Amino acid sequence: MSSTLTGGKSLQIALEVCRLVSLGLCLGPALTLALIPLNASAQLLQPEQQQQQQPVIRFVRDPDSAPDLKVKDLDGRELTLQAYKGKVVLLNFWATWCGPCRAEIPALIRIQDAYKDRLQIIGMDVDDDDNDPERLRAFVKDKGINYPVAITSVPVRLAYGGISALPTLFVINQEGKMVQKHVGLFDPALYEIEARALLNMPIPARIETFEDTGEVSLKHADRATMLPGIDTSKLTQEQRMAALHKLNAETCDCGCKYTLAQCRISDPACKTSKERAAAIVSEAAKLPPRDGHGTTGAPTSPAPSGSADPASKDPATPREQK
């Protein structure tokens, strides 16, 4: 199954991380950074080679605070992000029926065990039909999950952008701010490297920052100049700005309660927002160009793939069209 990319580069990042396999740092789904000393790889390459082959991890520049959870775990204890201030938090939205979600559980268990004093994983169960705590508790016990699990409420789900695909994992720094989001199945070594970076621990990667244009926090969708599945390459700059303004002002009719731009980012499979957005682009194309500007040839944003949709119990099945 392919991986979906945050900010258009998550797949590249995951693949770059897995290039470390030749250094003994990424062995398939196994979590190896917690088991193999980082300096073991440094002995294999000269300094100039290390610089050339280092992967890049990306964090949001000026990140927003993560919405609080205000839920109870399966044992009835209150679960809040505030309680974990000072720790890196991996907030993982998942479901028992989601194949990719189940596949990453063993590695998440190992990450939690290796960094238990400085990191906290929280599992947020989404869209299990019966929402039966006893059944979920039995699943957690059977898998040996060593981090708190709670059932996701509708308000929490909306606060985190709707969670249109599973697994969805938010990386939250020690100040409680969202610095990255991953949708789909990734090699968990990426999560560990990101956590180590936030904890100021040695990592075999370089760190870059990026402006959030809705990929992590939907409220910044108005910063986006490209939207998934929407082709604006034939528009002039003025026409594109007019289209984006309308896409950020008009609410999608699919029931998501988001703007069209937010819906496109949150749920690229939404037929309602895609058709309306295409109509808006067509309308914008009829606007007369100003000052003789031509097209700028902006690329079309690819739609995410390779993740399980909460609307479908088949992780390989696309979201049912609205």
C-alpha atoms as a PDB file:
ATOM      1  CA  MET A   1       0.000   0.000   0.000  1.00  0.00           C
ATOM      2  CA  SER A   2       1.373   3.402  -0.899  1.00  0.00           C
ATOM      3  CA  SER A   3       1.753   6.201   1.642  1.00  0.00           C
ATOM      4  CA  THR A   4      -0.026   9.531   1.612  1.00  0.00           C
ATOM      5  CA  LEU A   5       2.032  12.649   1.987  1.00  0.00           C
ATOM      6  CA  THR A   6       1.641  15.597   4.284  1.00  0.00           C
ATOM      7  CA  GLY A   7       2.366  18.845   2.513  1.00  0.00           C
ATOM      8  CA  GLY A   8       2.984  16.886  -0.696  1.00  0.00           C
ATOM      9  CA  LYS A   9       6.278  15.459   0.587  1.00  0.00           C
ATOM     10  CA  SER A  10       5.467  12.818   3.196  1.00  0.00           C
ATOM     11  CA  LEU A  11       5.960   9.911   0.770  1.00  0.00           C
ATOM     12  CA  GLN A  12       9.330  11.346  -0.224  1.00  0.00           C
ATOM     13  CA  ILE A  13      10.263  11.672   3.440  1.00  0.00           C
ATOM     14  CA  ALA A  14       9.189   8.118   4.237  1.00  0.00           C
ATOM     15  CA  LEU A  15      11.141   6.774   1.269  1.00  0.00           C
ATOM     16  CA  GLU A  16      14.187   8.822   2.244  1.00  0.00           C
ATOM     17  CA  VAL A  17      14.024   7.452   5.767  1.00  0.00           C
ATOM     18  CA  CYS A  18      13.883   3.939   4.389  1.00  0.00           C
ATOM     19  CA  ARG A  19      17.059   4.554   2.399  1.00  0.00           C
ATOM     20  CA  LEU A  20      18.725   4.086   5.774  1.00  0.00           C
ATOM     21  CA  VAL A  21      18.172   0.360   5.362  1.00  0.00           C
ATOM     22  CA  SER A  22      21.656   0.178   3.883  1.00  0.00           C
ATOM     23  CA  LEU A  23      22.957   1.633   7.141  1.00  0.00           C
ATOM     24  CA  GLY A  24      21.110  -0.824   9.341  1.00  0.00           C
ATOM     25  CA  LEU A  25      18.663   1.824  10.540  1.00  0.00           C
ATOM     26  CA  CYS A  26      15.452   0.887   8.764  1.00  0.00           C
ATOM     27  CA  LEU A  27      14.594  -2.780   8.499  1.00  0.00           C
ATOM     28  CA  GLY A  28      11.116  -2.912   6.995  1.00  0.00           C
ATOM     29  CA  PRO A  29       8.411  -2.386   9.605  1.00  0.00           C
ATOM     30  CA  ALA A  30      10.751  -3.138  12.493  1.00  0.00           C
ATOM     31  CA  LEU A  31      11.583  -0.276  14.829  1.00  0.00           C
ATOM     32  CA  THR A  32      15.369  -0.214  14.713  1.00  0.00           C
ATOM     33  CA  LEU A  33      16.398   3.211  15.957  1.00  0.00           C
ATOM     34  CA  ALA A  34      15.398   2.199  19.466  1.00  0.00           C
ATOM     35  CA  LEU A  35      17.578  -0.896  19.207  1.00  0.00           C
ATOM     36  CA  ILE A  36      20.657   0.110  17.165  1.00  0.00           C
ATOM     37  CA  PRO A  37      23.022   2.868  18.360  1.00  0.00           C
ATOM     38  CA  LEU A  38      22.922   5.838  16.018  1.00  0.00           C
ATOM     39  CA  ASN A  39      26.713   6.086  15.955  1.00  0.00           C
ATOM     40  CA  ALA A  40      26.855   2.658  14.333  1.00  0.00           C
ATOM     41  CA  SER A  41      25.816   4.198  11.020  1.00  0.00           C
ATOM     42  CA  ALA A  42      28.179   7.142  11.329  1.00  0.00           C
ATOM     43  CA  GLN A  43      31.130   4.765  11.058  1.00  0.00           C
ATOM     44  CA  LEU A  44      29.989   3.564   7.636  1.00  0.00           C
ATOM     45  CA  LEU A  45      30.123   6.878   5.762  1.00  0.00           C
ATOM     46  CA  GLN A  46      32.554   9.738   5.378  1.00  0.00           C
ATOM     47  CA  PRO A  47      31.215  13.171   6.503  1.00  0.00           C
ATOM     48  CA  GLU A  48      30.530  14.364   2.957  1.00  0.00           C
ATOM     49  CA  GLN A  49      28.668  11.138   2.171  1.00  0.00           C
ATOM     50  CA  GLN A  50      26.599  11.468   5.340  1.00  0.00           C
ATOM     51  CA  GLN A  51      25.482  14.950   4.297  1.00  0.00           C
ATOM     52  CA  GLN A  52      24.504  13.763   0.808  1.00  0.00           C
ATOM     53  CA  GLN A  53      22.513  10.769   2.016  1.00  0.00           C
ATOM     54  CA  GLN A  54      20.763  12.309   5.007  1.00  0.00           C
ATOM     55  CA  PRO A  55      16.981  12.322   4.658  1.00  0.00           C
ATOM     56  CA  VAL A  56      14.978  15.412   5.515  1.00  0.00           C
ATOM     57  CA  ILE A  57      12.194  15.668   8.075  1.00  0.00           C
ATOM     58  CA  ARG A  58       9.838  18.646   8.042  1.00  0.00           C
ATOM     59  CA  PHE A  59       8.081  20.501  10.830  1.00  0.00           C
ATOM     60  CA  VAL A  60       5.539  23.320  10.662  1.00  0.00           C
ATOM     61  CA  ARG A  61       6.973  26.774  11.086  1.00  0.00           C
ATOM     62  CA  ASP A  62       5.028  28.689  13.786  1.00  0.00           C
ATOM     63  CA  PRO A  63       2.738  25.722  14.653  1.00  0.00           C
ATOM     64  CA  ASP A  64      -0.714  26.028  16.211  1.00  0.00           C
ATOM     65  CA  SER A  65      -1.737  24.566  19.547  1.00  0.00           C
ATOM     66  CA  ALA A  66      -3.423  21.190  19.283  1.00  0.00           C
ATOM     67  CA  PRO A  67      -7.137  21.149  20.197  1.00  0.00           C
ATOM     68  CA  ASP A  68      -7.600  19.506  23.579  1.00  0.00           C
ATOM     69  CA  LEU A  69      -9.237  16.091  23.741  1.00  0.00           C
ATOM     70  CA  LYS A  70     -11.508  16.192  26.800  1.00  0.00           C
ATOM     71  CA  VAL A  71     -12.293  12.463  26.569  1.00  0.00           C
ATOM     72  CA  LYS A  72     -12.043   9.466  28.873  1.00  0.00           C
ATOM     73  CA  ASP A  73      -9.826   6.490  28.230  1.00  0.00           C
ATOM     74  CA  LEU A  74     -11.106   2.916  28.333  1.00  0.00           C
ATOM     75  CA  ASP A  75     -10.618   2.805  32.099  1.00  0.00           C
ATOM     76  CA  GLY A  76     -12.764   5.901  32.612  1.00  0.00           C
ATOM     77  CA  ARG A  77      -9.859   8.231  33.378  1.00  0.00           C
ATOM     78  CA  GLU A  78      -9.881  11.744  31.953  1.00  0.00           C
ATOM     79  CA  LEU A  79      -7.533  12.082  28.998  1.00  0.00           C
ATOM     80  CA  THR A  80      -6.205  15.526  28.071  1.00  0.00           C
ATOM     81  CA  LEU A  81      -3.200  16.835  26.172  1.00  0.00           C
ATOM     82  CA  GLN A  82      -2.517  19.273  29.000  1.00  0.00           C
ATOM     83  CA  ALA A  83      -1.545  16.327  31.181  1.00  0.00           C
ATOM     84  CA  TYR A  84       1.309  15.522  28.782  1.00  0.00           C
ATOM     85  CA  LYS A  85       2.806  19.000  28.411  1.00  0.00           C
ATOM     86  CA  GLY A  86       6.576  18.609  28.350  1.00  0.00           C
ATOM     87  CA  LYS A  87       6.359  15.344  26.397  1.00  0.00           C
ATOM     88  CA  VAL A  88       6.181  14.713  22.671  1.00  0.00           C
ATOM     89  CA  VAL A  89       2.736  13.328  21.853  1.00  0.00           C
ATOM     90  CA  LEU A  90       1.872  11.087  18.906  1.00  0.00           C
ATOM     91  CA  LEU A  91      -1.897  11.413  18.582  1.00  0.00           C
ATOM     92  CA  ASN A  92      -2.984   8.457  16.487  1.00  0.00           C
ATOM     93  CA  PHE A  93      -6.512   8.232  15.005  1.00  0.00           C
ATOM     94  CA  TRP A  94      -7.190   4.602  14.083  1.00  0.00           C
ATOM     95  CA  ALA A  95      -9.780   1.812  14.048  1.00  0.00           C
ATOM     96  CA  THR A  96      -9.726  -1.905  14.801  1.00  0.00           C
ATOM     97  CA  TRP A  97     -11.044  -2.729  11.304  1.00  0.00           C
ATOM     98  CA  CYS A  98      -8.299  -0.658   9.585  1.00  0.00           C
ATOM     99  CA  GLY A  99      -5.541  -2.920   8.233  1.00  0.00           C
ATOM    100  CA  PRO A 100      -2.821  -0.241   8.079  1.00  0.00           C
ATOM    101  CA  CYS A 101      -3.745   0.826  11.620  1.00  0.00           C
ATOM    102  CA  ARG A 102      -3.307  -2.707  12.928  1.00  0.00           C
ATOM    103  CA  ALA A 103      -0.033  -3.083  11.052  1.00  0.00           C
ATOM    104  CA  GLU A 104       1.644  -0.186  12.855  1.00  0.00           C
ATOM    105  CA  ILE A 105       0.522  -1.133  16.384  1.00  0.00           C
ATOM    106  CA  PRO A 106       3.574  -3.331  17.227  1.00  0.00           C
ATOM    107  CA  ALA A 107       5.990  -0.544  16.275  1.00  0.00           C
ATOM    108  CA  LEU A 108       3.999   2.053  18.211  1.00  0.00           C
ATOM    109  CA  ILE A 109       4.170  -0.205  21.258  1.00  0.00           C
ATOM    110  CA  ARG A 110       7.942  -0.387  20.905  1.00  0.00           C
ATOM    111  CA  ILE A 111       8.269   3.391  20.488  1.00  0.00           C
ATOM    112  CA  GLN A 112       6.167   3.981  23.599  1.00  0.00           C
ATOM    113  CA  ASP A 113       8.273   1.544  25.588  1.00  0.00           C
ATOM    114  CA  ALA A 114      11.587   2.991  24.390  1.00  0.00           C
ATOM    115  CA  TYR A 115      10.685   6.636  25.107  1.00  0.00           C
ATOM    116  CA  LYS A 116       8.099   6.253  27.878  1.00  0.00           C
ATOM    117  CA  ASP A 117       9.629   9.000  30.021  1.00  0.00           C
ATOM    118  CA  ARG A 118       9.639  11.646  27.266  1.00  0.00           C
ATOM    119  CA  LEU A 119       6.956  10.627  24.768  1.00  0.00           C
ATOM    120  CA  GLN A 120       3.297   9.686  24.926  1.00  0.00           C
ATOM    121  CA  ILE A 121       1.273   7.913  22.266  1.00  0.00           C
ATOM    122  CA  ILE A 122      -2.511   8.305  22.468  1.00  0.00           C
ATOM    123  CA  GLY A 123      -4.798   6.068  20.410  1.00  0.00           C
ATOM    124  CA  MET A 124      -8.101   7.618  19.313  1.00  0.00           C
ATOM    125  CA  ASP A 125     -10.479   4.941  18.045  1.00  0.00           C
ATOM    126  CA  VAL A 126     -12.594   6.149  15.099  1.00  0.00           C
ATOM    127  CA  ASP A 127     -15.691   4.663  13.488  1.00  0.00           C
ATOM    128  CA  ASP A 128     -15.878   1.244  15.073  1.00  0.00           C
ATOM    129  CA  ASP A 129     -19.559   0.475  14.457  1.00  0.00           C
ATOM    130  CA  ASP A 130     -20.653  -0.488  17.927  1.00  0.00           C
ATOM    131  CA  ASN A 131     -18.400   1.891  19.902  1.00  0.00           C
ATOM    132  CA  ASP A 132     -18.351  -0.885  22.475  1.00  0.00           C
ATOM    133  CA  PRO A 133     -15.718  -0.109  25.129  1.00  0.00           C
ATOM    134  CA  GLU A 134     -15.612  -3.741  26.262  1.00  0.00           C
ATOM    135  CA  ARG A 135     -14.889  -5.012  22.776  1.00  0.00           C
ATOM    136  CA  LEU A 136     -12.264  -2.316  22.243  1.00  0.00           C
ATOM    137  CA  ARG A 137     -10.750  -3.045  25.652  1.00  0.00           C
ATOM    138  CA  ALA A 138     -10.424  -6.723  24.694  1.00  0.00           C
ATOM    139  CA  PHE A 139      -8.684  -5.743  21.439  1.00  0.00           C
ATOM    140  CA  VAL A 140      -6.256  -3.469  23.289  1.00  0.00           C
ATOM    141  CA  LYS A 141      -5.445  -6.216  25.786  1.00  0.00           C
ATOM    142  CA  ASP A 142      -4.985  -8.827  23.073  1.00  0.00           C
ATOM    143  CA  LYS A 143      -2.532  -6.616  21.161  1.00  0.00           C
ATOM    144  CA  GLY A 144      -0.657  -5.601  24.302  1.00  0.00           C
ATOM    145  CA  ILE A 145      -1.156  -1.902  23.635  1.00  0.00           C
ATOM    146  CA  ASN A 146       0.770   0.035  26.288  1.00  0.00           C
ATOM    147  CA  TYR A 147      -0.593   3.530  25.682  1.00  0.00           C
ATOM    148  CA  PRO A 148      -4.007   5.048  26.499  1.00  0.00           C
ATOM    149  CA  VAL A 149      -6.870   4.493  24.060  1.00  0.00           C
ATOM    150  CA  ALA A 150     -10.125   6.423  23.874  1.00  0.00           C
ATOM    151  CA  ILE A 151     -13.167   6.504  21.609  1.00  0.00           C
ATOM    152  CA  THR A 152     -13.135   9.606  19.395  1.00  0.00           C
ATOM    153  CA  SER A 153     -16.091  11.925  19.914  1.00  0.00           C
ATOM    154  CA  VAL A 154     -17.590  13.917  17.048  1.00  0.00           C
ATOM    155  CA  PRO A 155     -16.344  17.261  18.468  1.00  0.00           C
ATOM    156  CA  VAL A 156     -12.787  15.943  18.728  1.00  0.00           C
ATOM    157  CA  ARG A 157     -12.933  14.536  15.219  1.00  0.00           C
ATOM    158  CA  LEU A 158     -14.123  17.863  13.811  1.00  0.00           C
ATOM    159  CA  ALA A 159     -11.521  19.773  15.813  1.00  0.00           C
ATOM    160  CA  TYR A 160      -8.810  17.729  14.111  1.00  0.00           C
ATOM    161  CA  GLY A 161     -10.082  18.301  10.579  1.00  0.00           C
ATOM    162  CA  GLY A 162     -12.673  15.589  10.228  1.00  0.00           C
ATOM    163  CA  ILE A 163     -10.252  12.604  10.030  1.00  0.00           C
ATOM    164  CA  SER A 164     -11.331  11.467   6.566  1.00  0.00           C
ATOM    165  CA  ALA A 165      -8.779   8.647   6.318  1.00  0.00           C
ATOM    166  CA  LEU A 166      -7.031   6.239   8.674  1.00  0.00           C
ATOM    167  CA  PRO A 167      -4.552   6.044  10.179  1.00  0.00           C
ATOM    168  CA  THR A 168      -4.020   9.764  10.773  1.00  0.00           C
ATOM    169  CA  LEU A 169      -1.245  10.701  13.172  1.00  0.00           C
ATOM    170  CA  PHE A 170      -0.493  14.164  14.566  1.00  0.00           C
ATOM    171  CA  VAL A 171       2.968  14.919  15.931  1.00  0.00           C
ATOM    172  CA  ILE A 172       2.656  17.331  18.867  1.00  0.00           C
ATOM    173  CA  ASN A 173       5.680  18.960  20.452  1.00  0.00           C
ATOM    174  CA  GLN A 174       6.431  19.514  24.134  1.00  0.00           C
ATOM    175  CA  GLU A 175       4.535  22.820  24.075  1.00  0.00           C
ATOM    176  CA  GLY A 176       1.384  21.116  22.834  1.00  0.00           C
ATOM    177  CA  LYS A 177       1.664  22.400  19.256  1.00  0.00           C
ATOM    178  CA  MET A 178       1.017  20.406  16.074  1.00  0.00           C
ATOM    179  CA  VAL A 179       4.214  20.245  14.039  1.00  0.00           C
ATOM    180  CA  GLN A 180       3.365  17.488  11.551  1.00  0.00           C
ATOM    181  CA  LYS A 181       0.531  15.277  10.346  1.00  0.00           C
ATOM    182  CA  HIS A 182       0.752  11.932   8.565  1.00  0.00           C
ATOM    183  CA  VAL A 183      -2.163  10.320   6.735  1.00  0.00           C
ATOM    184  CA  GLY A 184      -1.823   6.688   5.706  1.00  0.00           C
ATOM    185  CA  LEU A 185       0.673   3.971   6.573  1.00  0.00           C
ATOM    186  CA  PHE A 186       4.275   5.085   7.118  1.00  0.00           C
ATOM    187  CA  ASP A 187       7.355   3.309   8.332  1.00  0.00           C
ATOM    188  CA  PRO A 188       7.173   4.026  12.092  1.00  0.00           C
ATOM    189  CA  ALA A 189      10.904   4.806  12.006  1.00  0.00           C
ATOM    190  CA  LEU A 190       9.803   8.193  10.638  1.00  0.00           C
ATOM    191  CA  TYR A 191       7.696   8.840  13.750  1.00  0.00           C
ATOM    192  CA  GLU A 192      10.614   7.917  15.959  1.00  0.00           C
ATOM    193  CA  ILE A 193      13.060  10.156  14.110  1.00  0.00           C
ATOM    194  CA  GLU A 194      10.634  13.075  14.365  1.00  0.00           C
ATOM    195  CA  ALA A 195      10.143  12.448  18.085  1.00  0.00           C
ATOM    196  CA  ARG A 196      13.900  12.272  18.664  1.00  0.00           C
ATOM    197  CA  ALA A 197      14.354  15.546  16.789  1.00  0.00           C
ATOM    198  CA  LEU A 198      11.806  17.285  19.017  1.00  0.00           C
ATOM    199  CA  LEU A 199      13.528  15.810  22.082  1.00  0.00           C
ATOM    200  CA  ASN A 200      16.901  17.170  20.896  1.00  0.00           C
ATOM    201  CA  MET A 201      18.274  13.658  20.547  1.00  0.00           C
ATOM    202  CA  PRO A 202      20.662  12.574  17.755  1.00  0.00           C
ATOM    203  CA  ILE A 203      18.941  11.761  14.470  1.00  0.00           C
ATOM    204  CA  PRO A 204      20.178  10.599  11.035  1.00  0.00           C
ATOM    205  CA  ALA A 205      18.319  13.395   9.229  1.00  0.00           C
ATOM    206  CA  ARG A 206      18.193  17.121   8.551  1.00  0.00           C
ATOM    207  CA  ILE A 207      15.315  19.280   9.771  1.00  0.00           C
ATOM    208  CA  GLU A 208      13.464  21.740   7.548  1.00  0.00           C
ATOM    209  CA  THR A 209      10.415  23.867   8.295  1.00  0.00           C
ATOM    210  CA  PHE A 210       7.404  24.746   6.136  1.00  0.00           C
ATOM    211  CA  GLU A 211       4.397  27.023   6.250  1.00  0.00           C
ATOM    212  CA  ASP A 212       1.184  25.212   7.083  1.00  0.00           C
ATOM    213  CA  THR A 213      -1.302  25.775   4.264  1.00  0.00           C
ATOM    214  CA  GLY A 214      -3.973  23.523   5.714  1.00  0.00           C
ATOM    215  CA  GLU A 215      -2.101  20.235   5.604  1.00  0.00           C
ATOM    216  CA  VAL A 216      -1.797  20.113   9.414  1.00  0.00           C
ATOM    217  CA  SER A 217      -4.341  22.669  10.661  1.00  0.00           C
ATOM    218  CA  LEU A 218      -7.364  23.189   8.421  1.00  0.00           C
ATOM    219  CA  LYS A 219      -7.823  26.767   9.588  1.00  0.00           C
ATOM    220  CA  HIS A 220      -4.863  27.679   7.394  1.00  0.00           C
ATOM    221  CA  ALA A 221      -6.476  26.402   4.189  1.00  0.00           C
ATOM    222  CA  ASP A 222      -6.786  30.022   3.086  1.00  0.00           C
ATOM    223  CA  ARG A 223      -2.997  30.085   2.680  1.00  0.00           C
ATOM    224  CA  ALA A 224      -3.053  27.308   0.084  1.00  0.00           C
ATOM    225  CA  THR A 225      -2.405  28.210  -3.543  1.00  0.00           C
ATOM    226  CA  MET A 226      -3.168  24.681  -4.782  1.00  0.00           C
ATOM    227  CA  LEU A 227      -5.884  22.268  -3.673  1.00  0.00           C
ATOM    228  CA  PRO A 228      -6.075  18.475  -4.138  1.00  0.00           C
ATOM    229  CA  GLY A 229      -7.709  17.473  -7.407  1.00  0.00           C
ATOM    230  CA  ILE A 230      -8.288  21.058  -8.597  1.00  0.00           C
ATOM    231  CA  ASP A 231      -6.500  22.202 -11.751  1.00  0.00           C
ATOM    232  CA  THR A 232      -5.867  25.942 -11.863  1.00  0.00           C
ATOM    233  CA  SER A 233      -2.956  25.755 -14.302  1.00  0.00           C
ATOM    234  CA  LYS A 234      -4.872  27.519 -17.076  1.00  0.00           C
ATOM    235  CA  LEU A 235      -5.852  30.492 -14.933  1.00  0.00           C
ATOM    236  CA  THR A 236      -4.025  33.790 -14.774  1.00  0.00           C
ATOM    237  CA  GLN A 237      -2.758  34.911 -11.388  1.00  0.00           C
ATOM    238  CA  GLU A 238      -5.770  37.218 -10.979  1.00  0.00           C
ATOM    239  CA  GLN A 239      -8.209  34.480 -11.962  1.00  0.00           C
ATOM    240  CA  ARG A 240      -6.550  32.012  -9.580  1.00  0.00           C
ATOM    241  CA  MET A 241      -6.746  34.447  -6.671  1.00  0.00           C
ATOM    242  CA  ALA A 242     -10.435  35.090  -7.426  1.00  0.00           C
ATOM    243  CA  ALA A 243     -11.140  31.336  -7.463  1.00  0.00           C
ATOM    244  CA  LEU A 244      -9.229  30.723  -4.224  1.00  0.00           C
ATOM    245  CA  HIS A 245     -11.053  33.566  -2.523  1.00  0.00           C
ATOM    246  CA  LYS A 246     -14.411  32.007  -3.384  1.00  0.00           C
ATOM    247  CA  LEU A 247     -13.248  28.514  -2.428  1.00  0.00           C
ATOM    248  CA  ASN A 248     -12.319  29.836   1.014  1.00  0.00           C
ATOM    249  CA  ALA A 249     -15.552  31.812   1.413  1.00  0.00           C
ATOM    250  CA  GLU A 250     -18.124  29.233   0.314  1.00  0.00           C
ATOM    251  CA  THR A 251     -19.202  26.349   2.562  1.00  0.00           C
ATOM    252  CA  CYS A 252     -19.261  22.841   1.131  1.00  0.00           C
ATOM    253  CA  ASP A 253     -22.739  21.280   0.897  1.00  0.00           C
ATOM    254  CA  CYS A 254     -21.541  17.765   1.729  1.00  0.00           C
ATOM    255  CA  GLY A 255     -22.325  18.264   5.414  1.00  0.00           C
ATOM    256  CA  CYS A 256     -18.747  18.597   6.620  1.00  0.00           C
ATOM    257  CA  LYS A 257     -19.289  22.191   7.816  1.00  0.00           C
ATOM    258  CA  TYR A 258     -15.999  23.230   6.225  1.00  0.00           C
ATOM    259  CA  THR A 259     -15.269  25.676   3.419  1.00  0.00           C
ATOM    260  CA  LEU A 260     -14.761  24.189  -0.026  1.00  0.00           C
ATOM    261  CA  ALA A 261     -10.998  24.681   0.321  1.00  0.00           C
ATOM    262  CA  GLN A 262     -10.949  22.992   3.723  1.00  0.00           C
ATOM    263  CA  CYS A 263     -13.056  20.108   2.436  1.00  0.00           C
ATOM    264  CA  ARG A 264     -10.725  19.567  -0.522  1.00  0.00           C
ATOM    265  CA  ILE A 265      -7.755  19.341   1.841  1.00  0.00           C
ATOM    266  CA  SER A 266      -9.530  17.276   4.488  1.00  0.00           C
ATOM    267  CA  ASP A 267     -11.349  14.916   2.132  1.00  0.00           C
ATOM    268  CA  PRO A 268      -9.977  14.920  -1.455  1.00  0.00           C
ATOM    269  CA  ALA A 269     -12.445  12.137  -2.354  1.00  0.00           C
ATOM    270  CA  CYS A 270     -15.464  14.368  -1.658  1.00  0.00           C
ATOM    271  CA  LYS A 271     -17.428  14.566  -4.913  1.00  0.00           C
ATOM    272  CA  THR A 272     -19.471  17.557  -3.743  1.00  0.00           C
ATOM    273  CA  SER A 273     -16.515  19.861  -3.081  1.00  0.00           C
ATOM    274  CA  LYS A 274     -14.661  18.656  -6.164  1.00  0.00           C
ATOM    275  CA  GLU A 275     -17.556  19.403  -8.527  1.00  0.00           C
ATOM    276  CA  ARG A 276     -18.323  22.782  -6.967  1.00  0.00           C
ATOM    277  CA  ALA A 277     -14.636  23.747  -6.928  1.00  0.00           C
ATOM    278  CA  ALA A 278     -14.301  22.795 -10.591  1.00  0.00           C
ATOM    279  CA  ALA A 279     -17.309  24.984 -11.383  1.00  0.00           C
ATOM    280  CA  ILE A 280     -15.736  27.906  -9.524  1.00  0.00           C
ATOM    281  CA  VAL A 281     -12.498  27.452 -11.459  1.00  0.00           C
ATOM    282  CA  SER A 282     -14.460  27.401 -14.724  1.00  0.00           C
ATOM    283  CA  GLU A 283     -16.240  30.616 -13.723  1.00  0.00           C
ATOM    284  CA  ALA A 284     -12.931  32.250 -12.813  1.00  0.00           C
ATOM    285  CA  ALA A 285     -11.481  31.299 -16.196  1.00  0.00           C
ATOM    286  CA  LYS A 286     -14.097  33.537 -17.844  1.00  0.00           C
ATOM    287  CA  LEU A 287     -12.881  36.627 -16.000  1.00  0.00           C
ATOM    288  CA  PRO A 288     -11.022  38.956 -18.377  1.00  0.00           C
ATOM    289  CA  PRO A 289      -7.261  38.972 -17.752  1.00  0.00           C
ATOM    290  CA  ARG A 290      -5.709  42.169 -16.442  1.00  0.00           C
ATOM    291  CA  ASP A 291      -2.604  43.870 -17.759  1.00  0.00           C
ATOM    292  CA  GLY A 292      -2.141  41.133 -20.336  1.00  0.00           C
ATOM    293  CA  HIS A 293      -1.049  38.507 -17.846  1.00  0.00           C
ATOM    294  CA  GLY A 294      -0.964  34.980 -19.187  1.00  0.00           C
ATOM    295  CA  THR A 295      -1.190  31.669 -17.449  1.00  0.00           C
ATOM    296  CA  THR A 296       1.368  30.771 -14.866  1.00  0.00           C
ATOM    297  CA  GLY A 297       1.259  27.019 -15.325  1.00  0.00           C
ATOM    298  CA  ALA A 298       0.790  26.085 -11.686  1.00  0.00           C
ATOM    299  CA  PRO A 299       0.733  22.312 -11.240  1.00  0.00           C
ATOM    300  CA  THR A 300      -2.286  20.312 -10.216  1.00  0.00           C
ATOM    301  CA  SER A 301      -2.198  19.034  -6.650  1.00  0.00           C
ATOM    302  CA  PRO A 302      -2.344  15.238  -6.414  1.00  0.00           C
ATOM    303  CA  ALA A 303      -5.018  13.642  -4.258  1.00  0.00           C
ATOM    304  CA  PRO A 304      -3.777  11.650  -1.242  1.00  0.00           C
ATOM    305  CA  SER A 305      -3.869   7.875  -1.442  1.00  0.00           C
ATOM    306  CA  GLY A 306      -2.882   4.781   0.434  1.00  0.00           C
ATOM    307  CA  SER A 307      -4.937   5.163   3.577  1.00  0.00           C
ATOM    308  CA  ALA A 308      -8.036   3.598   5.011  1.00  0.00           C
ATOM    309  CA  ASP A 309     -11.238   5.635   4.848  1.00  0.00           C
ATOM    310  CA  PRO A 310     -13.409   5.680   7.997  1.00  0.00           C
ATOM    311  CA  ALA A 311     -16.443   5.545   5.700  1.00  0.00           C
ATOM    312  CA  SER A 312     -15.347   2.139   4.407  1.00  0.00           C
ATOM    313  CA  LYS A 313     -14.380  -1.016   6.266  1.00  0.00           C
ATOM    314  CA  ASP A 314     -12.045  -1.938   3.381  1.00  0.00           C
ATOM    315  CA  PRO A 315      -8.776   0.001   3.779  1.00  0.00           C
ATOM    316  CA  ALA A 316      -8.129  -0.280   0.044  1.00  0.00           C
ATOM    317  CA  THR A 317     -11.545   1.069  -0.922  1.00  0.00           C
ATOM    318  CA  PRO A 318     -11.847   4.802  -1.744  1.00  0.00           C
ATOM    319  CA  ARG A 319     -14.278   6.934   0.240  1.00  0.00           C
ATOM    320  CA  GLU A 320     -17.849   6.554  -0.916  1.00  0.00           C
ATOM    321  CA  GLN A 321     -18.688   9.476  -3.102  1.00  0.00           C
ATOM    322  CA  LYS A 322     -21.083  12.023  -1.670  1.00  0.00           C
END
